[in-house]
């Protein structure tokens, strides 16, 4: 997966109190191998953020470890 991607994702997780939560995430996957495509993809990400104001969690990821479940929960929680 070495091409940029824009991903809308619904993350399901438990809060520290134990209640189930759902949070919508907007993820911009920009791997190092796609460097020359960053400017165009970044413009699309910015435009999409403006069109989806209810998505309060935005993430730019350049490595797969940045997409780990626990990290996403920490960002959403």
C-alpha atoms as a PDB file:
ATOM      1  CA  UNK A   1       0.000   0.000   0.000  1.00  0.00           C
ATOM      2  CA  UNK A   2       2.269   2.745  -1.244  1.00  0.00           C
ATOM      3  CA  UNK A   3      -0.342   5.134  -2.659  1.00  0.00           C
ATOM      4  CA  UNK A   4      -2.068   7.883  -0.677  1.00  0.00           C
ATOM      5  CA  UNK A   5      -5.597   7.203   0.552  1.00  0.00           C
ATOM      6  CA  UNK A   6      -8.375   9.185   2.193  1.00  0.00           C
ATOM      7  CA  UNK A   7     -10.311   7.001   4.626  1.00  0.00           C
ATOM      8  CA  UNK A   8     -13.495   7.689   6.577  1.00  0.00           C
ATOM      9  CA  UNK A   9     -13.633   5.179   9.430  1.00  0.00           C
ATOM     10  CA  UNK A  10     -16.018   4.562  12.322  1.00  0.00           C
ATOM     11  CA  UNK A  11     -14.037   3.471  15.360  1.00  0.00           C
ATOM     12  CA  UNK A  12     -15.855   1.453  18.022  1.00  0.00           C
ATOM     13  CA  UNK A  13     -14.310   1.307  21.487  1.00  0.00           C
ATOM     14  CA  UNK A  14     -15.092   1.321  25.195  1.00  0.00           C
ATOM     15  CA  UNK A  15     -14.649   4.467  27.250  1.00  0.00           C
ATOM     16  CA  UNK A  16     -12.649   4.271  30.510  1.00  0.00           C
ATOM     17  CA  UNK A  17     -16.021   3.975  32.270  1.00  0.00           C
ATOM     18  CA  UNK A  18     -16.894   0.925  30.162  1.00  0.00           C
ATOM     19  CA  UNK A  19     -19.559   2.442  27.907  1.00  0.00           C
ATOM     20  CA  UNK A  20     -19.436   1.698  24.190  1.00  0.00           C
ATOM     21  CA  UNK A  21     -18.494   4.632  21.991  1.00  0.00           C
ATOM     22  CA  UNK A  22     -18.353   5.243  18.275  1.00  0.00           C
ATOM     23  CA  UNK A  23     -16.242   7.993  16.780  1.00  0.00           C
ATOM     24  CA  UNK A  24     -15.833   8.877  13.125  1.00  0.00           C
ATOM     25  CA  UNK A  25     -12.255   9.399  11.983  1.00  0.00           C
ATOM     26  CA  UNK A  26     -10.932  10.950   8.805  1.00  0.00           C
ATOM     27  CA  UNK A  27      -7.566   9.435   7.958  1.00  0.00           C
ATOM     28  CA  UNK A  28      -5.102  10.627   5.353  1.00  0.00           C
ATOM     29  CA  UNK A  29      -2.724   7.749   4.579  1.00  0.00           C
ATOM     30  CA  UNK A  30       0.440   9.218   3.045  1.00  0.00           C
ATOM     31  CA  UNK A  31       3.220   6.615   2.885  1.00  0.00           C
ATOM     32  CA  UNK A  32       6.782   7.789   2.191  1.00  0.00           C
ATOM     33  CA  UNK A  33       6.803   6.082  -1.238  1.00  0.00           C
ATOM     34  CA  UNK A  34       4.017   8.408  -2.441  1.00  0.00           C
ATOM     35  CA  UNK A  35       5.953  11.626  -1.824  1.00  0.00           C
ATOM     36  CA  UNK A  36       5.307  13.266  -5.178  1.00  0.00           C
ATOM     37  CA  UNK A  37       1.537  12.842  -4.782  1.00  0.00           C
ATOM     38  CA  UNK A  38       1.406  14.547  -1.388  1.00  0.00           C
ATOM     39  CA  UNK A  39       0.421  18.029  -2.519  1.00  0.00           C
ATOM     40  CA  UNK A  40      -2.612  16.928  -4.553  1.00  0.00           C
ATOM     41  CA  UNK A  41      -3.707  14.401  -1.935  1.00  0.00           C
ATOM     42  CA  UNK A  42      -3.287  16.904   0.870  1.00  0.00           C
ATOM     43  CA  UNK A  43      -5.553  19.358  -0.950  1.00  0.00           C
ATOM     44  CA  UNK A  44      -8.210  16.645  -1.214  1.00  0.00           C
ATOM     45  CA  UNK A  45      -7.888  15.886   2.506  1.00  0.00           C
ATOM     46  CA  UNK A  46      -8.341  19.551   3.395  1.00  0.00           C
ATOM     47  CA  UNK A  47     -11.415  19.800   1.174  1.00  0.00           C
ATOM     48  CA  UNK A  48     -12.920  16.631   2.633  1.00  0.00           C
ATOM     49  CA  UNK A  49     -12.418  17.910   6.206  1.00  0.00           C
ATOM     50  CA  UNK A  50     -14.422  21.004   5.315  1.00  0.00           C
ATOM     51  CA  UNK A  51     -17.237  18.892   3.798  1.00  0.00           C
ATOM     52  CA  UNK A  52     -17.441  16.630   6.879  1.00  0.00           C
ATOM     53  CA  UNK A  53     -17.602  18.996   9.867  1.00  0.00           C
ATOM     54  CA  UNK A  54     -18.992  16.295  12.207  1.00  0.00           C
ATOM     55  CA  UNK A  55     -15.754  14.335  11.951  1.00  0.00           C
ATOM     56  CA  UNK A  56     -13.687  15.914  14.694  1.00  0.00           C
ATOM     57  CA  UNK A  57     -10.754  13.486  14.597  1.00  0.00           C
ATOM     58  CA  UNK A  58      -8.392  13.989  11.666  1.00  0.00           C
ATOM     59  CA  UNK A  59      -5.193  12.018  11.294  1.00  0.00           C
ATOM     60  CA  UNK A  60      -2.338  12.053   8.816  1.00  0.00           C
ATOM     61  CA  UNK A  61      -0.499   8.732   8.953  1.00  0.00           C
ATOM     62  CA  UNK A  62       2.823   8.012   7.264  1.00  0.00           C
ATOM     63  CA  UNK A  63       3.588   4.690   8.983  1.00  0.00           C
ATOM     64  CA  UNK A  64       1.347   1.710   9.741  1.00  0.00           C
ATOM     65  CA  UNK A  65       2.060   1.965  13.482  1.00  0.00           C
ATOM     66  CA  UNK A  66       0.263   5.318  13.444  1.00  0.00           C
ATOM     67  CA  UNK A  67      -2.916   3.394  12.566  1.00  0.00           C
ATOM     68  CA  UNK A  68      -2.740   1.032  15.536  1.00  0.00           C
ATOM     69  CA  UNK A  69      -6.088   0.538  17.284  1.00  0.00           C
ATOM     70  CA  UNK A  70      -4.894   1.792  20.695  1.00  0.00           C
ATOM     71  CA  UNK A  71      -3.470   4.958  19.126  1.00  0.00           C
ATOM     72  CA  UNK A  72      -6.740   5.647  17.281  1.00  0.00           C
ATOM     73  CA  UNK A  73      -8.697   5.133  20.510  1.00  0.00           C
ATOM     74  CA  UNK A  74      -6.395   7.580  22.310  1.00  0.00           C
ATOM     75  CA  UNK A  75      -7.003  10.185  19.602  1.00  0.00           C
ATOM     76  CA  UNK A  76     -10.772   9.651  19.657  1.00  0.00           C
ATOM     77  CA  UNK A  77     -11.157   9.357  23.428  1.00  0.00           C
END
